[in-house]
């Protein structure tokens, strides 16, 4: 893979590209809500342990408590978010390829 050093003017060409702006917008619309959800889900465990210890100690199945099930569910949640991002990243990659092709054409024309 060859690397190009872009000048500030070159970056202006990239920033003005509508496909690049679309890429940033779509990526942001996925990453920001996913990050907020992840953080809320992750921090809800220690918050619930402190705020509702009886709930977290409540047995669900044998000696398995709600707290343990919730803690284990965080592993599943992280893998699900990972799978969703990988799936969505295919769209991001397609847009990125269009941006690179268009910007190369414009920069070669300059």
N, C-alpha and C. Protein backbone atom coordinates (compact mmCIF):
# COMPACT_ATOMS: atom_id res chain seq x y z
N UNK A 1 0.85 -1.17 0.00
CA UNK A 1 0.00 0.00 0.00
C UNK A 1 0.89 1.23 0.00
N UNK A 2 0.61 2.13 -0.89
CA UNK A 2 1.41 3.34 -0.93
C UNK A 2 0.77 4.41 -0.06
N UNK A 3 1.60 5.22 0.55
CA UNK A 3 1.12 6.28 1.43
C UNK A 3 1.37 7.62 0.77
N UNK A 4 0.42 8.49 0.92
CA UNK A 4 0.55 9.83 0.38
C UNK A 4 0.51 10.81 1.53
N UNK A 5 1.34 11.79 1.45
CA UNK A 5 1.33 12.86 2.44
C UNK A 5 0.45 13.97 1.89
N UNK A 6 -0.66 14.19 2.55
CA UNK A 6 -1.60 15.19 2.07
C UNK A 6 -1.28 16.55 2.67
N UNK A 7 -1.37 17.53 1.84
CA UNK A 7 -1.17 18.91 2.28
C UNK A 7 -2.49 19.42 2.85
N UNK A 8 -2.48 20.54 3.54
CA UNK A 8 -3.74 21.11 4.02
C UNK A 8 -4.75 21.34 2.89
N UNK A 9 -4.27 21.74 1.72
CA UNK A 9 -5.16 21.93 0.58
C UNK A 9 -5.79 20.60 0.16
N UNK A 10 -4.97 19.54 0.21
CA UNK A 10 -5.49 18.22 -0.13
C UNK A 10 -6.58 17.80 0.86
N UNK A 11 -6.36 18.10 2.12
CA UNK A 11 -7.35 17.75 3.14
C UNK A 11 -8.64 18.54 2.92
N UNK A 12 -8.53 19.76 2.41
CA UNK A 12 -9.72 20.53 2.09
C UNK A 12 -10.54 19.84 1.00
N UNK A 13 -9.84 19.25 0.02
CA UNK A 13 -10.52 18.51 -1.04
C UNK A 13 -11.27 17.32 -0.43
N UNK A 14 -10.62 16.61 0.48
CA UNK A 14 -11.25 15.47 1.15
C UNK A 14 -12.46 15.94 1.96
N UNK A 15 -12.29 16.98 2.75
CA UNK A 15 -13.36 17.47 3.62
C UNK A 15 -14.55 17.98 2.83
N UNK A 16 -14.33 18.47 1.62
CA UNK A 16 -15.42 18.99 0.80
C UNK A 16 -16.17 17.90 0.04
N UNK A 17 -15.64 16.69 0.06
CA UNK A 17 -16.26 15.60 -0.68
C UNK A 17 -17.56 15.17 0.02
N UNK A 18 -18.69 15.16 -0.71
CA UNK A 18 -19.97 14.80 -0.07
C UNK A 18 -20.00 13.35 0.43
N UNK A 19 -19.31 12.45 -0.26
CA UNK A 19 -19.26 11.06 0.19
C UNK A 19 -18.50 10.94 1.50
N UNK A 20 -17.43 11.73 1.64
CA UNK A 20 -16.67 11.73 2.90
C UNK A 20 -17.53 12.23 4.04
N UNK A 21 -18.29 13.30 3.79
CA UNK A 21 -19.18 13.83 4.84
C UNK A 21 -20.26 12.80 5.18
N UNK A 22 -20.76 12.10 4.17
CA UNK A 22 -21.75 11.05 4.41
C UNK A 22 -21.15 9.91 5.24
N UNK A 23 -19.92 9.55 4.92
CA UNK A 23 -19.22 8.51 5.69
C UNK A 23 -19.09 8.92 7.15
N UNK A 24 -18.64 10.13 7.40
CA UNK A 24 -18.49 10.60 8.78
C UNK A 24 -19.83 10.62 9.51
N UNK A 25 -20.86 11.05 8.82
CA UNK A 25 -22.19 11.13 9.43
C UNK A 25 -22.71 9.73 9.78
N UNK A 26 -22.61 8.79 8.86
CA UNK A 26 -23.10 7.43 9.12
C UNK A 26 -22.30 6.76 10.23
N UNK A 27 -21.00 6.96 10.21
CA UNK A 27 -20.17 6.36 11.25
C UNK A 27 -20.51 6.95 12.61
N UNK A 28 -20.67 8.25 12.66
CA UNK A 28 -21.01 8.94 13.91
C UNK A 28 -22.37 8.48 14.44
N UNK A 29 -23.35 8.31 13.52
CA UNK A 29 -24.69 7.88 13.92
C UNK A 29 -24.68 6.47 14.51
N UNK A 30 -23.68 5.67 14.19
CA UNK A 30 -23.58 4.35 14.80
C UNK A 30 -22.72 4.37 16.06
N UNK A 31 -21.55 4.98 15.96
CA UNK A 31 -20.56 4.89 17.04
C UNK A 31 -21.02 5.61 18.31
N UNK A 32 -21.59 6.78 18.19
CA UNK A 32 -21.97 7.54 19.39
C UNK A 32 -23.07 6.82 20.18
N UNK A 33 -24.19 6.41 19.56
CA UNK A 33 -25.19 5.68 20.34
C UNK A 33 -24.67 4.35 20.89
N UNK A 34 -23.86 3.64 20.10
CA UNK A 34 -23.32 2.36 20.57
C UNK A 34 -22.41 2.57 21.78
N UNK A 35 -21.62 3.63 21.77
CA UNK A 35 -20.74 3.93 22.89
C UNK A 35 -21.54 4.31 24.13
N UNK A 36 -22.56 5.11 23.94
CA UNK A 36 -23.41 5.51 25.08
C UNK A 36 -24.11 4.27 25.66
N UNK A 37 -24.65 3.41 24.79
CA UNK A 37 -25.30 2.19 25.26
C UNK A 37 -24.31 1.31 26.02
N UNK A 38 -23.11 1.12 25.44
CA UNK A 38 -22.10 0.28 26.08
C UNK A 38 -21.75 0.82 27.47
N UNK A 39 -21.49 2.11 27.56
CA UNK A 39 -21.11 2.71 28.85
C UNK A 39 -22.24 2.59 29.87
N UNK A 40 -23.47 2.85 29.44
CA UNK A 40 -24.61 2.75 30.36
C UNK A 40 -24.79 1.32 30.85
N UNK A 41 -24.69 0.37 29.94
CA UNK A 41 -24.85 -1.04 30.31
C UNK A 41 -23.72 -1.48 31.22
N UNK A 42 -22.50 -1.09 30.88
CA UNK A 42 -21.32 -1.49 31.65
C UNK A 42 -21.38 -0.92 33.08
N UNK A 43 -21.68 0.36 33.21
CA UNK A 43 -21.68 0.99 34.53
C UNK A 43 -22.93 0.69 35.33
N UNK A 44 -23.95 0.14 34.69
CA UNK A 44 -25.16 -0.20 35.44
C UNK A 44 -24.91 -1.35 36.42
N UNK A 45 -23.95 -2.22 36.13
CA UNK A 45 -23.66 -3.32 37.06
C UNK A 45 -23.17 -2.80 38.41
N UNK A 46 -22.10 -2.01 38.48
CA UNK A 46 -21.67 -1.54 39.80
C UNK A 46 -22.71 -0.61 40.45
N UNK A 47 -23.45 0.12 39.64
CA UNK A 47 -24.49 0.99 40.21
C UNK A 47 -25.58 0.13 40.85
N UNK A 48 -26.01 -0.91 40.14
CA UNK A 48 -27.04 -1.78 40.71
C UNK A 48 -26.53 -2.54 41.94
N UNK A 49 -25.28 -2.93 41.94
CA UNK A 49 -24.73 -3.62 43.11
C UNK A 49 -24.83 -2.71 44.33
N UNK A 50 -24.55 -1.42 44.14
CA UNK A 50 -24.63 -0.48 45.26
C UNK A 50 -26.04 -0.04 45.58
N UNK A 51 -26.87 0.16 44.56
CA UNK A 51 -28.21 0.71 44.77
C UNK A 51 -29.26 -0.35 45.07
N UNK A 52 -29.10 -1.54 44.54
CA UNK A 52 -30.10 -2.60 44.72
C UNK A 52 -29.42 -3.93 45.02
N UNK A 53 -28.72 -4.02 46.16
CA UNK A 53 -27.99 -5.26 46.46
C UNK A 53 -28.91 -6.47 46.60
N UNK A 54 -30.11 -6.27 47.08
CA UNK A 54 -31.03 -7.40 47.22
C UNK A 54 -31.39 -7.98 45.86
N UNK A 55 -31.62 -7.11 44.89
CA UNK A 55 -31.92 -7.56 43.53
C UNK A 55 -30.74 -8.35 42.96
N UNK A 56 -29.56 -7.83 43.15
CA UNK A 56 -28.38 -8.49 42.57
C UNK A 56 -28.08 -9.83 43.26
N UNK A 57 -28.50 -9.98 44.52
CA UNK A 57 -28.30 -11.24 45.25
C UNK A 57 -29.43 -12.23 45.02
N UNK A 58 -30.50 -11.78 44.38
CA UNK A 58 -31.67 -12.63 44.20
C UNK A 58 -31.33 -13.85 43.34
N UNK A 59 -31.61 -15.04 43.85
CA UNK A 59 -31.34 -16.25 43.06
C UNK A 59 -32.30 -16.35 41.88
N UNK A 60 -31.74 -16.73 40.74
CA UNK A 60 -32.54 -16.89 39.52
C UNK A 60 -32.70 -18.37 39.20
N UNK A 61 -31.60 -19.08 39.32
CA UNK A 61 -31.61 -20.51 39.01
C UNK A 61 -30.58 -21.19 39.91
N UNK A 62 -31.00 -21.89 40.90
CA UNK A 62 -30.09 -22.51 41.86
C UNK A 62 -29.32 -21.42 42.60
N UNK A 63 -28.00 -21.55 42.62
CA UNK A 63 -27.15 -20.56 43.27
C UNK A 63 -26.79 -19.39 42.35
N UNK A 64 -27.26 -19.42 41.12
CA UNK A 64 -26.96 -18.37 40.16
C UNK A 64 -27.84 -17.16 40.44
N UNK A 65 -27.20 -16.04 40.76
CA UNK A 65 -27.94 -14.83 41.11
C UNK A 65 -28.13 -13.92 39.89
N UNK A 66 -29.04 -12.96 40.06
CA UNK A 66 -29.27 -11.98 39.01
C UNK A 66 -27.99 -11.21 38.70
N UNK A 67 -27.22 -10.91 39.73
CA UNK A 67 -25.97 -10.18 39.54
C UNK A 67 -24.99 -10.92 38.64
N UNK A 68 -24.86 -12.23 38.85
CA UNK A 68 -23.96 -13.00 38.00
C UNK A 68 -24.48 -13.08 36.56
N UNK A 69 -25.78 -13.26 36.40
CA UNK A 69 -26.34 -13.31 35.05
C UNK A 69 -26.11 -11.97 34.34
N UNK A 70 -26.33 -10.88 35.08
CA UNK A 70 -26.12 -9.57 34.48
C UNK A 70 -24.65 -9.37 34.10
N UNK A 71 -23.74 -9.80 34.99
CA UNK A 71 -22.31 -9.66 34.70
C UNK A 71 -21.92 -10.48 33.47
N UNK A 72 -22.41 -11.70 33.37
CA UNK A 72 -22.10 -12.53 32.21
C UNK A 72 -22.73 -11.96 30.94
N UNK A 73 -23.89 -11.31 31.08
CA UNK A 73 -24.54 -10.74 29.90
C UNK A 73 -23.71 -9.62 29.28
N UNK A 74 -22.83 -9.03 30.07
CA UNK A 74 -21.98 -7.97 29.52
C UNK A 74 -21.01 -8.51 28.47
N UNK A 75 -20.58 -9.76 28.65
CA UNK A 75 -19.72 -10.37 27.63
C UNK A 75 -20.51 -10.53 26.33
N UNK A 76 -21.74 -11.03 26.45
CA UNK A 76 -22.58 -11.21 25.26
C UNK A 76 -22.85 -9.86 24.59
N UNK A 77 -23.16 -8.86 25.40
CA UNK A 77 -23.45 -7.54 24.86
C UNK A 77 -22.24 -6.99 24.09
N UNK A 78 -21.04 -7.16 24.62
CA UNK A 78 -19.84 -6.67 23.94
C UNK A 78 -19.65 -7.39 22.60
N UNK A 79 -19.88 -8.69 22.56
CA UNK A 79 -19.73 -9.45 21.31
C UNK A 79 -20.81 -9.05 20.30
N UNK A 80 -22.01 -8.81 20.79
CA UNK A 80 -23.09 -8.38 19.88
C UNK A 80 -22.77 -7.02 19.28
N UNK A 81 -22.32 -6.08 20.12
CA UNK A 81 -21.92 -4.76 19.59
C UNK A 81 -20.78 -4.89 18.59
N UNK A 82 -19.83 -5.77 18.88
CA UNK A 82 -18.72 -6.01 17.95
C UNK A 82 -19.25 -6.51 16.61
N UNK A 83 -20.16 -7.48 16.64
CA UNK A 83 -20.71 -8.04 15.40
C UNK A 83 -21.48 -6.98 14.62
N UNK A 84 -22.24 -6.16 15.33
CA UNK A 84 -22.98 -5.08 14.66
C UNK A 84 -22.03 -4.09 14.00
N UNK A 85 -20.95 -3.76 14.70
CA UNK A 85 -19.99 -2.81 14.13
C UNK A 85 -19.29 -3.41 12.90
N UNK A 86 -18.89 -4.65 12.99
CA UNK A 86 -18.21 -5.29 11.85
C UNK A 86 -19.15 -5.31 10.64
N UNK A 87 -20.41 -5.62 10.89
CA UNK A 87 -21.38 -5.63 9.81
C UNK A 87 -21.56 -4.24 9.20
N UNK A 88 -21.65 -3.24 10.05
CA UNK A 88 -21.83 -1.86 9.59
C UNK A 88 -20.55 -1.35 8.93
N UNK A 89 -19.41 -1.82 9.37
CA UNK A 89 -18.13 -1.35 8.83
C UNK A 89 -17.99 -1.67 7.35
N UNK A 90 -18.68 -2.68 6.87
CA UNK A 90 -18.64 -2.98 5.44
C UNK A 90 -19.17 -1.79 4.63
N UNK A 91 -20.22 -1.16 5.13
CA UNK A 91 -20.75 0.04 4.48
C UNK A 91 -19.74 1.17 4.55
N UNK A 92 -19.11 1.31 5.71
CA UNK A 92 -18.09 2.36 5.88
C UNK A 92 -16.94 2.13 4.90
N UNK A 93 -16.53 0.88 4.75
CA UNK A 93 -15.43 0.57 3.83
C UNK A 93 -15.78 0.90 2.38
N UNK A 94 -17.02 0.62 2.00
CA UNK A 94 -17.45 0.93 0.63
C UNK A 94 -17.43 2.44 0.39
N UNK A 95 -17.92 3.20 1.36
CA UNK A 95 -17.88 4.66 1.23
C UNK A 95 -16.45 5.17 1.20
N UNK A 96 -15.61 4.59 2.02
CA UNK A 96 -14.20 5.01 2.06
C UNK A 96 -13.53 4.78 0.71
N UNK A 97 -13.82 3.65 0.08
CA UNK A 97 -13.23 3.36 -1.23
C UNK A 97 -13.69 4.39 -2.27
N UNK A 98 -14.97 4.79 -2.21
CA UNK A 98 -15.47 5.82 -3.13
C UNK A 98 -14.78 7.16 -2.88
N UNK A 99 -14.58 7.49 -1.62
CA UNK A 99 -13.90 8.75 -1.28
C UNK A 99 -12.48 8.74 -1.81
N UNK A 100 -11.76 7.67 -1.56
CA UNK A 100 -10.36 7.58 -2.00
C UNK A 100 -10.27 7.71 -3.52
N UNK A 101 -11.15 7.01 -4.23
CA UNK A 101 -11.11 7.07 -5.70
C UNK A 101 -11.41 8.49 -6.19
N UNK A 102 -12.44 9.11 -5.62
CA UNK A 102 -12.82 10.45 -6.06
C UNK A 102 -11.75 11.48 -5.72
N UNK A 103 -11.20 11.39 -4.54
CA UNK A 103 -10.17 12.36 -4.12
C UNK A 103 -8.90 12.19 -4.94
N UNK A 104 -8.54 10.96 -5.23
CA UNK A 104 -7.34 10.74 -6.08
C UNK A 104 -7.53 11.38 -7.44
N UNK A 105 -8.73 11.21 -8.01
CA UNK A 105 -9.02 11.84 -9.31
C UNK A 105 -8.90 13.36 -9.23
N UNK A 106 -9.47 13.94 -8.19
CA UNK A 106 -9.43 15.39 -8.04
C UNK A 106 -8.01 15.89 -7.82
N UNK A 107 -7.23 15.17 -6.99
CA UNK A 107 -5.87 15.62 -6.70
C UNK A 107 -4.97 15.47 -7.92
N UNK A 108 -5.20 14.44 -8.72
CA UNK A 108 -4.41 14.27 -9.93
C UNK A 108 -4.74 15.37 -10.95
N UNK A 109 -5.99 15.84 -10.92
CA UNK A 109 -6.41 16.89 -11.86
C UNK A 109 -5.82 18.25 -11.47
N UNK A 110 -5.46 18.41 -10.19
CA UNK A 110 -4.94 19.71 -9.75
C UNK A 110 -3.52 19.93 -10.18
